[in-house]
Amino acid sequence: MGRKLDLSGLTEEEAEHILQVVQRDFSLRKKEEERLSEMKQKLDEEGNKCSILSKHQKFNEHCCIRCCSPFTFLINSKRQCQDCKYNICKNCCSYQKKEKAWICCVCQQARHRIQR
């Protein structure tokens, strides 16, 4: 990164093209940083919400920690997220065949963020 390139042998058109590519790269990197920052903020907010709701006695026994919908025996049964261990409804999670476990949408996002 600390090296300087000698671009004096390029035509004006080639130098302009290189400048456009570098500017586009900076723009894409900035957008990606903003997207990741926004995702981190959402995950932090979700974590704060969960910690507040989980302090209410038995809230998570009767309602989904993610969307607050009540659990019912047949229509909306509860599942436990393998990562955060909160009870979640079927709309807020997906089954991971490889792990044979349910993962909530927030933990999925966190996993995706870590993999990047």
PDB file of N, CA and C in Angstrom:
ATOM      1  N   MET A   1       0.816  -1.195   0.000  1.00  0.00           N
ATOM      2  CA  MET A   1       0.000   0.000   0.000  1.00  0.00           C
ATOM      3  C   MET A   1       0.861   1.260   0.000  1.00  0.00           C
ATOM      4  N   GLY A   2       2.026   1.205   0.577  1.00  0.00           N
ATOM      5  CA  GLY A   2       2.866   2.384   0.684  1.00  0.00           C
ATOM      6  C   GLY A   2       3.618   2.687  -0.600  1.00  0.00           C
ATOM      7  N   ARG A   3       3.544   1.805  -1.582  1.00  0.00           N
ATOM      8  CA  ARG A   3       4.252   2.028  -2.834  1.00  0.00           C
ATOM      9  C   ARG A   3       3.558   3.105  -3.654  1.00  0.00           C
ATOM     10  N   LYS A   4       4.370   3.855  -4.407  1.00  0.00           N
ATOM     11  CA  LYS A   4       3.810   4.832  -5.329  1.00  0.00           C
ATOM     12  C   LYS A   4       3.975   4.295  -6.736  1.00  0.00           C
ATOM     13  N   LEU A   5       2.949   4.447  -7.520  1.00  0.00           N
ATOM     14  CA  LEU A   5       2.991   3.977  -8.894  1.00  0.00           C
ATOM     15  C   LEU A   5       3.363   5.120  -9.823  1.00  0.00           C
ATOM     16  N   ASP A   6       4.148   4.811 -10.805  1.00  0.00           N
ATOM     17  CA  ASP A   6       4.512   5.799 -11.820  1.00  0.00           C
ATOM     18  C   ASP A   6       3.487   5.695 -12.943  1.00  0.00           C
ATOM     19  N   LEU A   7       2.606   6.660 -12.992  1.00  0.00           N
ATOM     20  CA  LEU A   7       1.553   6.670 -14.000  1.00  0.00           C
ATOM     21  C   LEU A   7       1.862   7.639 -15.143  1.00  0.00           C
ATOM     22  N   SER A   8       3.083   8.118 -15.196  1.00  0.00           N
ATOM     23  CA  SER A   8       3.443   9.133 -16.193  1.00  0.00           C
ATOM     24  C   SER A   8       3.407   8.586 -17.615  1.00  0.00           C
ATOM     25  N   GLY A   9       3.520   7.279 -17.780  1.00  0.00           N
ATOM     26  CA  GLY A   9       3.523   6.701 -19.115  1.00  0.00           C
ATOM     27  C   GLY A   9       2.127   6.455 -19.674  1.00  0.00           C
ATOM     28  N   LEU A  10       1.091   6.755 -18.896  1.00  0.00           N
ATOM     29  CA  LEU A  10      -0.275   6.510 -19.341  1.00  0.00           C
ATOM     30  C   LEU A  10      -0.803   7.683 -20.153  1.00  0.00           C
ATOM     31  N   THR A  11      -1.709   7.359 -21.042  1.00  0.00           N
ATOM     32  CA  THR A  11      -2.386   8.443 -21.765  1.00  0.00           C
ATOM     33  C   THR A  11      -3.376   9.096 -20.807  1.00  0.00           C
ATOM     34  N   GLU A  12      -3.856  10.236 -21.181  1.00  0.00           N
ATOM     35  CA  GLU A  12      -4.821  10.951 -20.340  1.00  0.00           C
ATOM     36  C   GLU A  12      -6.098  10.129 -20.176  1.00  0.00           C
ATOM     37  N   GLU A  13      -6.485   9.447 -21.229  1.00  0.00           N
ATOM     38  CA  GLU A  13      -7.686   8.608 -21.194  1.00  0.00           C
ATOM     39  C   GLU A  13      -7.496   7.424 -20.232  1.00  0.00           C
ATOM     40  N   GLU A  14      -6.332   6.802 -20.262  1.00  0.00           N
ATOM     41  CA  GLU A  14      -6.044   5.680 -19.367  1.00  0.00           C
ATOM     42  C   GLU A  14      -5.999   6.136 -17.909  1.00  0.00           C
ATOM     43  N   ALA A  15      -5.360   7.281 -17.686  1.00  0.00           N
ATOM     44  CA  ALA A  15      -5.289   7.819 -16.320  1.00  0.00           C
ATOM     45  C   ALA A  15      -6.680   8.157 -15.799  1.00  0.00           C
ATOM     46  N   GLU A  16      -7.532   8.708 -16.645  1.00  0.00           N
ATOM     47  CA  GLU A  16      -8.911   9.043 -16.258  1.00  0.00           C
ATOM     48  C   GLU A  16      -9.683   7.777 -15.919  1.00  0.00           C
ATOM     49  N   HIS A  17      -9.482   6.736 -16.714  1.00  0.00           N
ATOM     50  CA  HIS A  17     -10.161   5.463 -16.459  1.00  0.00           C
ATOM     51  C   HIS A  17      -9.724   4.871 -15.116  1.00  0.00           C
ATOM     52  N   ILE A  18      -8.445   4.901 -14.839  1.00  0.00           N
ATOM     53  CA  ILE A  18      -7.926   4.403 -13.556  1.00  0.00           C
ATOM     54  C   ILE A  18      -8.501   5.217 -12.403  1.00  0.00           C
ATOM     55  N   LEU A  19      -8.571   6.516 -12.555  1.00  0.00           N
ATOM     56  CA  LEU A  19      -9.139   7.381 -11.518  1.00  0.00           C
ATOM     57  C   LEU A  19     -10.600   7.027 -11.256  1.00  0.00           C
ATOM     58  N   GLN A  20     -11.357   6.771 -12.308  1.00  0.00           N
ATOM     59  CA  GLN A  20     -12.761   6.391 -12.149  1.00  0.00           C
ATOM     60  C   GLN A  20     -12.898   5.064 -11.403  1.00  0.00           C
ATOM     61  N   VAL A  21     -12.029   4.113 -11.729  1.00  0.00           N
ATOM     62  CA  VAL A  21     -12.061   2.810 -11.053  1.00  0.00           C
ATOM     63  C   VAL A  21     -11.754   2.976  -9.566  1.00  0.00           C
ATOM     64  N   VAL A  22     -10.745   3.768  -9.240  1.00  0.00           N
ATOM     65  CA  VAL A  22     -10.372   4.002  -7.839  1.00  0.00           C
ATOM     66  C   VAL A  22     -11.501   4.711  -7.098  1.00  0.00           C
ATOM     67  N   GLN A  23     -12.116   5.699  -7.728  1.00  0.00           N
ATOM     68  CA  GLN A  23     -13.226   6.410  -7.092  1.00  0.00           C
ATOM     69  C   GLN A  23     -14.408   5.476  -6.861  1.00  0.00           C
ATOM     70  N   ARG A  24     -14.705   4.611  -7.830  1.00  0.00           N
ATOM     71  CA  ARG A  24     -15.794   3.649  -7.679  1.00  0.00           C
ATOM     72  C   ARG A  24     -15.486   2.681  -6.535  1.00  0.00           C
ATOM     73  N   ASP A  25     -14.231   2.262  -6.435  1.00  0.00           N
ATOM     74  CA  ASP A  25     -13.820   1.373  -5.343  1.00  0.00           C
ATOM     75  C   ASP A  25     -14.017   2.048  -3.993  1.00  0.00           C
ATOM     76  N   PHE A  26     -13.593   3.293  -3.866  1.00  0.00           N
ATOM     77  CA  PHE A  26     -13.797   4.025  -2.608  1.00  0.00           C
ATOM     78  C   PHE A  26     -15.277   4.137  -2.276  1.00  0.00           C
ATOM     79  N   SER A  27     -16.092   4.421  -3.285  1.00  0.00           N
ATOM     80  CA  SER A  27     -17.539   4.546  -3.083  1.00  0.00           C
ATOM     81  C   SER A  27     -18.145   3.230  -2.607  1.00  0.00           C
ATOM     82  N   LEU A  28     -17.769   2.135  -3.242  1.00  0.00           N
ATOM     83  CA  LEU A  28     -18.292   0.821  -2.841  1.00  0.00           C
ATOM     84  C   LEU A  28     -17.849   0.439  -1.435  1.00  0.00           C
ATOM     85  N   ARG A  29     -16.606   0.736  -1.124  1.00  0.00           N
ATOM     86  CA  ARG A  29     -16.112   0.434   0.228  1.00  0.00           C
ATOM     87  C   ARG A  29     -16.871   1.236   1.283  1.00  0.00           C
ATOM     88  N   LYS A  30     -17.139   2.502   0.973  1.00  0.00           N
ATOM     89  CA  LYS A  30     -17.877   3.347   1.916  1.00  0.00           C
ATOM     90  C   LYS A  30     -19.296   2.821   2.111  1.00  0.00           C
ATOM     91  N   LYS A  31     -19.959   2.434   1.032  1.00  0.00           N
ATOM     92  CA  LYS A  31     -21.313   1.880   1.132  1.00  0.00           C
ATOM     93  C   LYS A  31     -21.312   0.603   1.956  1.00  0.00           C
ATOM     94  N   GLU A  32     -20.323  -0.249   1.765  1.00  0.00           N
ATOM     95  CA  GLU A  32     -20.234  -1.501   2.516  1.00  0.00           C
ATOM     96  C   GLU A  32     -19.990  -1.222   4.006  1.00  0.00           C
ATOM     97  N   GLU A  33     -19.141  -0.263   4.304  1.00  0.00           N
ATOM     98  CA  GLU A  33     -18.906   0.110   5.707  1.00  0.00           C
ATOM     99  C   GLU A  33     -20.186   0.638   6.343  1.00  0.00           C
ATOM    100  N   GLU A  34     -20.937   1.453   5.610  1.00  0.00           N
ATOM    101  CA  GLU A  34     -22.203   1.989   6.124  1.00  0.00           C
ATOM    102  C   GLU A  34     -23.205   0.869   6.360  1.00  0.00           C
ATOM    103  N   ARG A  35     -23.274  -0.079   5.419  1.00  0.00           N
ATOM    104  CA  ARG A  35     -24.198  -1.202   5.552  1.00  0.00           C
ATOM    105  C   ARG A  35     -23.848  -2.050   6.775  1.00  0.00           C
ATOM    106  N   LEU A  36     -22.571  -2.338   6.958  1.00  0.00           N
ATOM    107  CA  LEU A  36     -22.145  -3.132   8.109  1.00  0.00           C
ATOM    108  C   LEU A  36     -22.372  -2.389   9.416  1.00  0.00           C
ATOM    109  N   SER A  37     -22.148  -1.085   9.405  1.00  0.00           N
ATOM    110  CA  SER A  37     -22.380  -0.273  10.599  1.00  0.00           C
ATOM    111  C   SER A  37     -23.863  -0.273  10.969  1.00  0.00           C
ATOM    112  N   GLU A  38     -24.720  -0.154   9.952  1.00  0.00           N
ATOM    113  CA  GLU A  38     -26.166  -0.178  10.184  1.00  0.00           C
ATOM    114  C   GLU A  38     -26.609  -1.539  10.722  1.00  0.00           C
ATOM    115  N   MET A  39     -26.040  -2.619  10.159  1.00  0.00           N
ATOM    116  CA  MET A  39     -26.372  -3.954  10.628  1.00  0.00           C
ATOM    117  C   MET A  39     -25.924  -4.148  12.072  1.00  0.00           C
ATOM    118  N   LYS A  40     -24.741  -3.664  12.415  1.00  0.00           N
ATOM    119  CA  LYS A  40     -24.235  -3.776  13.784  1.00  0.00           C
ATOM    120  C   LYS A  40     -25.142  -3.018  14.747  1.00  0.00           C
ATOM    121  N   GLN A  41     -25.579  -1.827  14.336  1.00  0.00           N
ATOM    122  CA  GLN A  41     -26.465  -1.031  15.183  1.00  0.00           C
ATOM    123  C   GLN A  41     -27.787  -1.759  15.417  1.00  0.00           C
ATOM    124  N   LYS A  42     -28.352  -2.358  14.347  1.00  0.00           N
ATOM    125  CA  LYS A  42     -29.602  -3.101  14.493  1.00  0.00           C
ATOM    126  C   LYS A  42     -29.428  -4.299  15.424  1.00  0.00           C
ATOM    127  N   LEU A  43     -28.308  -5.001  15.286  1.00  0.00           N
ATOM    128  CA  LEU A  43     -28.045  -6.151  16.162  1.00  0.00           C
ATOM    129  C   LEU A  43     -27.890  -5.710  17.618  1.00  0.00           C
ATOM    130  N   ASP A  44     -27.222  -4.585  17.830  1.00  0.00           N
ATOM    131  CA  ASP A  44     -27.070  -4.059  19.187  1.00  0.00           C
ATOM    132  C   ASP A  44     -28.424  -3.671  19.777  1.00  0.00           C
ATOM    133  N   GLU A  45     -29.259  -3.006  18.964  1.00  0.00           N
ATOM    134  CA  GLU A  45     -30.592  -2.610  19.428  1.00  0.00           C
ATOM    135  C   GLU A  45     -31.435  -3.832  19.758  1.00  0.00           C
ATOM    136  N   GLU A  46     -31.335  -4.856  18.923  1.00  0.00           N
ATOM    137  CA  GLU A  46     -32.084  -6.084  19.155  1.00  0.00           C
ATOM    138  C   GLU A  46     -31.618  -6.749  20.450  1.00  0.00           C
ATOM    139  N   GLY A  47     -30.308  -6.744  20.684  1.00  0.00           N
ATOM    140  CA  GLY A  47     -29.777  -7.316  21.919  1.00  0.00           C
ATOM    141  C   GLY A  47     -30.269  -6.570  23.146  1.00  0.00           C
ATOM    142  N   ASN A  48     -30.333  -5.242  23.054  1.00  0.00           N
ATOM    143  CA  ASN A  48     -30.839  -4.445  24.171  1.00  0.00           C
ATOM    144  C   ASN A  48     -32.312  -4.744  24.428  1.00  0.00           C
ATOM    145  N   LYS A  49     -33.092  -4.856  23.361  1.00  0.00           N
ATOM    146  CA  LYS A  49     -34.518  -5.168  23.507  1.00  0.00           C
ATOM    147  C   LYS A  49     -34.697  -6.511  24.191  1.00  0.00           C
ATOM    148  N   CYS A  50     -33.915  -7.484  23.766  1.00  0.00           N
ATOM    149  CA  CYS A  50     -34.029  -8.822  24.341  1.00  0.00           C
ATOM    150  C   CYS A  50     -33.656  -8.836  25.814  1.00  0.00           C
ATOM    151  N   SER A  51     -32.616  -8.114  26.164  1.00  0.00           N
ATOM    152  CA  SER A  51     -32.207  -8.116  27.572  1.00  0.00           C
ATOM    153  C   SER A  51     -33.273  -7.453  28.442  1.00  0.00           C
ATOM    154  N   ILE A  52     -33.933  -6.427  27.928  1.00  0.00           N
ATOM    155  CA  ILE A  52     -35.009  -5.770  28.686  1.00  0.00           C
ATOM    156  C   ILE A  52     -36.198  -6.712  28.834  1.00  0.00           C
ATOM    157  N   LEU A  53     -36.625  -7.316  27.721  1.00  0.00           N
ATOM    158  CA  LEU A  53     -37.787  -8.208  27.766  1.00  0.00           C
ATOM    159  C   LEU A  53     -37.516  -9.459  28.599  1.00  0.00           C
ATOM    160  N   SER A  54     -36.312  -9.968  28.534  1.00  0.00           N
ATOM    161  CA  SER A  54     -36.012 -11.200  29.272  1.00  0.00           C
ATOM    162  C   SER A  54     -35.999 -10.981  30.781  1.00  0.00           C
ATOM    163  N   LYS A  55     -35.877  -9.735  31.214  1.00  0.00           N
ATOM    164  CA  LYS A  55     -35.893  -9.446  32.653  1.00  0.00           C
ATOM    165  C   LYS A  55     -37.306  -9.506  33.224  1.00  0.00           C
ATOM    166  N   HIS A  56     -38.315  -9.370  32.359  1.00  0.00           N
ATOM    167  CA  HIS A  56     -39.690  -9.500  32.824  1.00  0.00           C
ATOM    168  C   HIS A  56     -39.971 -10.982  33.039  1.00  0.00           C
ATOM    169  N   GLN A  57     -40.380 -11.276  34.226  1.00  0.00           N
ATOM    170  CA  GLN A  57     -40.541 -12.665  34.633  1.00  0.00           C
ATOM    171  C   GLN A  57     -41.432 -13.439  33.667  1.00  0.00           C
ATOM    172  N   LYS A  58     -40.897 -14.483  33.135  1.00  0.00           N
ATOM    173  CA  LYS A  58     -41.581 -15.440  32.270  1.00  0.00           C
ATOM    174  C   LYS A  58     -42.100 -14.857  30.954  1.00  0.00           C
ATOM    175  N   PHE A  59     -41.636 -13.679  30.541  1.00  0.00           N
ATOM    176  CA  PHE A  59     -42.091 -13.126  29.262  1.00  0.00           C
ATOM    177  C   PHE A  59     -41.783 -14.089  28.127  1.00  0.00           C
ATOM    178  N   ASN A  60     -40.562 -14.566  28.088  1.00  0.00           N
ATOM    179  CA  ASN A  60     -40.132 -15.411  26.974  1.00  0.00           C
ATOM    180  C   ASN A  60     -40.710 -16.822  27.045  1.00  0.00           C
ATOM    181  N   GLU A  61     -41.341 -17.156  28.125  1.00  0.00           N
ATOM    182  CA  GLU A  61     -42.027 -18.443  28.193  1.00  0.00           C
ATOM    183  C   GLU A  61     -43.328 -18.402  27.406  1.00  0.00           C
ATOM    184  N   HIS A  62     -43.905 -17.203  27.278  1.00  0.00           N
ATOM    185  CA  HIS A  62     -45.217 -17.072  26.652  1.00  0.00           C
ATOM    186  C   HIS A  62     -45.194 -16.329  25.316  1.00  0.00           C
ATOM    187  N   CYS A  63     -44.117 -15.591  25.047  1.00  0.00           N
ATOM    188  CA  CYS A  63     -44.053 -14.785  23.823  1.00  0.00           C
ATOM    189  C   CYS A  63     -42.675 -14.868  23.170  1.00  0.00           C
ATOM    190  N   CYS A  64     -42.670 -14.693  21.863  1.00  0.00           N
ATOM    191  CA  CYS A  64     -41.424 -14.690  21.097  1.00  0.00           C
ATOM    192  C   CYS A  64     -40.593 -13.474  21.479  1.00  0.00           C
ATOM    193  N   ILE A  65     -39.335 -13.680  21.767  1.00  0.00           N
ATOM    194  CA  ILE A  65     -38.449 -12.590  22.180  1.00  0.00           C
ATOM    195  C   ILE A  65     -38.174 -11.630  21.020  1.00  0.00           C
ATOM    196  N   ARG A  66     -38.332 -12.084  19.785  1.00  0.00           N
ATOM    197  CA  ARG A  66     -38.028 -11.249  18.613  1.00  0.00           C
ATOM    198  C   ARG A  66     -39.209 -10.398  18.171  1.00  0.00           C
ATOM    199  N   CYS A  67     -40.390 -11.000  18.062  1.00  0.00           N
ATOM    200  CA  CYS A  67     -41.548 -10.244  17.545  1.00  0.00           C
ATOM    201  C   CYS A  67     -42.656 -10.052  18.571  1.00  0.00           C
ATOM    202  N   CYS A  68     -42.507 -10.649  19.738  1.00  0.00           N
ATOM    203  CA  CYS A  68     -43.454 -10.533  20.854  1.00  0.00           C
ATOM    204  C   CYS A  68     -44.797 -11.212  20.606  1.00  0.00           C
ATOM    205  N   SER A  69     -44.910 -12.036  19.589  1.00  0.00           N
ATOM    206  CA  SER A  69     -46.182 -12.736  19.368  1.00  0.00           C
ATOM    207  C   SER A  69     -46.315 -13.879  20.374  1.00  0.00           C
ATOM    208  N   PRO A  70     -47.515 -14.107  20.838  1.00  0.00           N
ATOM    209  CA  PRO A  70     -47.715 -15.166  21.846  1.00  0.00           C
ATOM    210  C   PRO A  70     -47.577 -16.556  21.226  1.00  0.00           C
ATOM    211  N   PHE A  71     -47.072 -17.478  22.022  1.00  0.00           N
ATOM    212  CA  PHE A  71     -46.958 -18.864  21.588  1.00  0.00           C
ATOM    213  C   PHE A  71     -48.299 -19.564  21.785  1.00  0.00           C
ATOM    214  N   THR A  72     -48.642 -20.421  20.835  1.00  0.00           N
ATOM    215  CA  THR A  72     -49.820 -21.276  20.969  1.00  0.00           C
ATOM    216  C   THR A  72     -49.384 -22.702  20.659  1.00  0.00           C
ATOM    217  N   PHE A  73     -50.151 -23.635  21.107  1.00  0.00           N
ATOM    218  CA  PHE A  73     -49.751 -25.030  21.003  1.00  0.00           C
ATOM    219  C   PHE A  73     -49.581 -25.490  19.558  1.00  0.00           C
ATOM    220  N   LEU A  74     -50.550 -25.243  18.716  1.00  0.00           N
ATOM    221  CA  LEU A  74     -50.495 -25.753  17.349  1.00  0.00           C
ATOM    222  C   LEU A  74     -50.080 -24.715  16.315  1.00  0.00           C
ATOM    223  N   ILE A  75     -50.599 -23.527  16.422  1.00  0.00           N
ATOM    224  CA  ILE A  75     -50.401 -22.525  15.375  1.00  0.00           C
ATOM    225  C   ILE A  75     -49.034 -21.858  15.447  1.00  0.00           C
ATOM    226  N   ASN A  76     -48.596 -21.524  16.611  1.00  0.00           N
ATOM    227  CA  ASN A  76     -47.324 -20.796  16.747  1.00  0.00           C
ATOM    228  C   ASN A  76     -46.538 -21.350  17.940  1.00  0.00           C
ATOM    229  N   SER A  77     -46.049 -22.549  17.769  1.00  0.00           N
ATOM    230  CA  SER A  77     -45.323 -23.170  18.883  1.00  0.00           C
ATOM    231  C   SER A  77     -43.940 -22.542  19.030  1.00  0.00           C
ATOM    232  N   LYS A  78     -43.413 -22.646  20.233  1.00  0.00           N
ATOM    233  CA  LYS A  78     -42.097 -22.031  20.480  1.00  0.00           C
ATOM    234  C   LYS A  78     -40.974 -22.992  20.150  1.00  0.00           C
ATOM    235  N   ARG A  79     -39.869 -22.382  19.752  1.00  0.00           N
ATOM    236  CA  ARG A  79     -38.632 -23.102  19.485  1.00  0.00           C
ATOM    237  C   ARG A  79     -37.527 -22.357  20.222  1.00  0.00           C
ATOM    238  N   GLN A  80     -36.445 -23.026  20.506  1.00  0.00           N
ATOM    239  CA  GLN A  80     -35.337 -22.350  21.181  1.00  0.00           C
ATOM    240  C   GLN A  80     -34.181 -22.164  20.207  1.00  0.00           C
ATOM    241  N   CYS A  81     -33.683 -20.936  20.143  1.00  0.00           N
ATOM    242  CA  CYS A  81     -32.536 -20.643  19.285  1.00  0.00           C
ATOM    243  C   CYS A  81     -31.297 -21.308  19.882  1.00  0.00           C
ATOM    244  N   GLN A  82     -30.556 -21.986  19.034  1.00  0.00           N
ATOM    245  CA  GLN A  82     -29.354 -22.678  19.501  1.00  0.00           C
ATOM    246  C   GLN A  82     -28.295 -21.695  20.000  1.00  0.00           C
ATOM    247  N   ASP A  83     -28.229 -20.502  19.395  1.00  0.00           N
ATOM    248  CA  ASP A  83     -27.173 -19.557  19.751  1.00  0.00           C
ATOM    249  C   ASP A  83     -27.514 -18.719  20.986  1.00  0.00           C
ATOM    250  N   CYS A  84     -28.646 -18.014  20.946  1.00  0.00           N
ATOM    251  CA  CYS A  84     -28.963 -17.095  22.055  1.00  0.00           C
ATOM    252  C   CYS A  84     -29.783 -17.746  23.165  1.00  0.00           C
ATOM    253  N   LYS A  85     -30.352 -18.909  22.886  1.00  0.00           N
ATOM    254  CA  LYS A  85     -31.143 -19.698  23.837  1.00  0.00           C
ATOM    255  C   LYS A  85     -32.488 -19.080  24.179  1.00  0.00           C
ATOM    256  N   TYR A  86     -32.903 -18.028  23.468  1.00  0.00           N
ATOM    257  CA  TYR A  86     -34.232 -17.450  23.679  1.00  0.00           C
ATOM    258  C   TYR A  86     -35.269 -18.295  22.948  1.00  0.00           C
ATOM    259  N   ASN A  87     -36.505 -18.246  23.437  1.00  0.00           N
ATOM    260  CA  ASN A  87     -37.611 -18.898  22.752  1.00  0.00           C
ATOM    261  C   ASN A  87     -38.090 -17.977  21.635  1.00  0.00           C
ATOM    262  N   ILE A  88     -38.330 -18.570  20.480  1.00  0.00           N
ATOM    263  CA  ILE A  88     -38.726 -17.802  19.302  1.00  0.00           C
ATOM    264  C   ILE A  88     -39.864 -18.515  18.588  1.00  0.00           C
ATOM    265  N   CYS A  89     -40.616 -17.753  17.802  1.00  0.00           N
ATOM    266  CA  CYS A  89     -41.718 -18.340  17.047  1.00  0.00           C
ATOM    267  C   CYS A  89     -41.214 -18.820  15.686  1.00  0.00           C
ATOM    268  N   LYS A  90     -42.089 -19.516  14.963  1.00  0.00           N
ATOM    269  CA  LYS A  90     -41.686 -20.085  13.670  1.00  0.00           C
ATOM    270  C   LYS A  90     -41.376 -19.012  12.630  1.00  0.00           C
ATOM    271  N   ASN A  91     -41.948 -17.825  12.764  1.00  0.00           N
ATOM    272  CA  ASN A  91     -41.705 -16.747  11.799  1.00  0.00           C
ATOM    273  C   ASN A  91     -40.364 -16.053  12.010  1.00  0.00           C
ATOM    274  N   CYS A  92     -39.782 -16.223  13.169  1.00  0.00           N
ATOM    275  CA  CYS A  92     -38.542 -15.515  13.502  1.00  0.00           C
ATOM    276  C   CYS A  92     -37.314 -16.421  13.494  1.00  0.00           C
ATOM    277  N   CYS A  93     -37.444 -17.590  12.886  1.00  0.00           N
ATOM    278  CA  CYS A  93     -36.299 -18.509  12.889  1.00  0.00           C
ATOM    279  C   CYS A  93     -36.317 -19.398  11.653  1.00  0.00           C
ATOM    280  N   SER A  94     -35.243 -20.126  11.496  1.00  0.00           N
ATOM    281  CA  SER A  94     -35.180 -21.144  10.446  1.00  0.00           C
ATOM    282  C   SER A  94     -34.407 -22.340  10.980  1.00  0.00           C
ATOM    283  N   TYR A  95     -34.707 -23.486  10.393  1.00  0.00           N
ATOM    284  CA  TYR A  95     -34.076 -24.717  10.831  1.00  0.00           C
ATOM    285  C   TYR A  95     -32.784 -24.924  10.062  1.00  0.00           C
ATOM    286  N   GLN A  96     -31.712 -25.187  10.789  1.00  0.00           N
ATOM    287  CA  GLN A  96     -30.405 -25.450  10.186  1.00  0.00           C
ATOM    288  C   GLN A  96     -30.209 -26.961  10.132  1.00  0.00           C
ATOM    289  N   LYS A  97     -30.373 -27.518   8.950  1.00  0.00           N
ATOM    290  CA  LYS A  97     -30.286 -28.978   8.790  1.00  0.00           C
ATOM    291  C   LYS A  97     -28.932 -29.515   9.222  1.00  0.00           C
ATOM    292  N   LYS A  98     -27.881 -28.800   8.858  1.00  0.00           N
ATOM    293  CA  LYS A  98     -26.521 -29.260   9.180  1.00  0.00           C
ATOM    294  C   LYS A  98     -26.325 -29.413  10.689  1.00  0.00           C
ATOM    295  N   GLU A  99     -26.873 -28.476  11.450  1.00  0.00           N
ATOM    296  CA  GLU A  99     -26.716 -28.500  12.909  1.00  0.00           C
ATOM    297  C   GLU A  99     -27.896 -29.164  13.610  1.00  0.00           C
ATOM    298  N   LYS A 100     -28.955 -29.413  12.854  1.00  0.00           N
ATOM    299  CA  LYS A 100     -30.195 -29.958  13.413  1.00  0.00           C
ATOM    300  C   LYS A 100     -30.688 -29.102  14.572  1.00  0.00           C
ATOM    301  N   ALA A 101     -30.787 -27.787  14.281  1.00  0.00           N
ATOM    302  CA  ALA A 101     -31.195 -26.845  15.325  1.00  0.00           C
ATOM    303  C   ALA A 101     -31.890 -25.631  14.707  1.00  0.00           C
ATOM    304  N   TRP A 102     -32.672 -24.945  15.541  1.00  0.00           N
ATOM    305  CA  TRP A 102     -33.327 -23.703  15.136  1.00  0.00           C
ATOM    306  C   TRP A 102     -32.409 -22.536  15.454  1.00  0.00           C
ATOM    307  N   ILE A 103     -32.360 -21.551  14.541  1.00  0.00           N
ATOM    308  CA  ILE A 103     -31.562 -20.341  14.738  1.00  0.00           C
ATOM    309  C   ILE A 103     -32.462 -19.141  14.468  1.00  0.00           C
ATOM    310  N   CYS A 104     -32.492 -18.195  15.376  1.00  0.00           N
ATOM    311  CA  CYS A 104     -33.346 -17.020  15.173  1.00  0.00           C
ATOM    312  C   CYS A 104     -32.738 -16.094  14.118  1.00  0.00           C
ATOM    313  N   CYS A 105     -33.559 -15.209  13.589  1.00  0.00           N
ATOM    314  CA  CYS A 105     -33.127 -14.328  12.503  1.00  0.00           C
ATOM    315  C   CYS A 105     -31.979 -13.410  12.924  1.00  0.00           C
ATOM    316  N   VAL A 106     -31.962 -12.971  14.155  1.00  0.00           N
ATOM    317  CA  VAL A 106     -30.896 -12.086  14.630  1.00  0.00           C
ATOM    318  C   VAL A 106     -29.572 -12.838  14.727  1.00  0.00           C
ATOM    319  N   CYS A 107     -29.612 -14.042  15.250  1.00  0.00           N
ATOM    320  CA  CYS A 107     -28.383 -14.837  15.340  1.00  0.00           C
ATOM    321  C   CYS A 107     -27.878 -15.229  13.952  1.00  0.00           C
ATOM    322  N   GLN A 108     -28.804 -15.427  13.008  1.00  0.00           N
ATOM    323  CA  GLN A 108     -28.395 -15.706  11.631  1.00  0.00           C
ATOM    324  C   GLN A 108     -27.641 -14.510  11.056  1.00  0.00           C
ATOM    325  N   GLN A 109     -28.155 -13.305  11.303  1.00  0.00           N
ATOM    326  CA  GLN A 109     -27.474 -12.101  10.826  1.00  0.00           C
ATOM    327  C   GLN A 109     -26.107 -11.965  11.472  1.00  0.00           C
ATOM    328  N   ALA A 110     -26.041 -12.249  12.748  1.00  0.00           N
ATOM    329  CA  ALA A 110     -24.761 -12.156  13.453  1.00  0.00           C
ATOM    330  C   ALA A 110     -23.767 -13.166  12.887  1.00  0.00           C
ATOM    331  N   ARG A 111     -24.227 -14.365  12.599  1.00  0.00           N
ATOM    332  CA  ARG A 111     -23.350 -15.380  12.002  1.00  0.00           C
ATOM    333  C   ARG A 111     -22.862 -14.925  10.624  1.00  0.00           C
ATOM    334  N   HIS A 112     -23.776 -14.368   9.846  1.00  0.00           N
ATOM    335  CA  HIS A 112     -23.420 -13.897   8.503  1.00  0.00           C
ATOM    336  C   HIS A 112     -22.388 -12.773   8.583  1.00  0.00           C
ATOM    337  N   ARG A 113     -22.550 -11.904   9.552  1.00  0.00           N
ATOM    338  CA  ARG A 113     -21.621 -10.783   9.735  1.00  0.00           C
ATOM    339  C   ARG A 113     -20.231 -11.289  10.116  1.00  0.00           C
ATOM    340  N   ILE A 114     -20.175 -12.303  10.961  1.00  0.00           N
ATOM    341  CA  ILE A 114     -18.896 -12.873  11.402  1.00  0.00           C
ATOM    342  C   ILE A 114     -18.198 -13.571  10.233  1.00  0.00           C
ATOM    343  N   GLN A 115     -18.965 -14.230   9.383  1.00  0.00           N
ATOM    344  CA  GLN A 115     -18.384 -14.961   8.244  1.00  0.00           C
ATOM    345  C   GLN A 115     -17.764 -14.016   7.231  1.00  0.00           C
ATOM    346  N   ARG A 116     -18.226 -12.802   7.135  1.00  0.00           N
ATOM    347  CA  ARG A 116     -17.708 -11.847   6.163  1.00  0.00           C
ATOM    348  C   ARG A 116     -16.429 -11.326   6.665  1.00  0.00           C
TER     349      ARG A 116
END
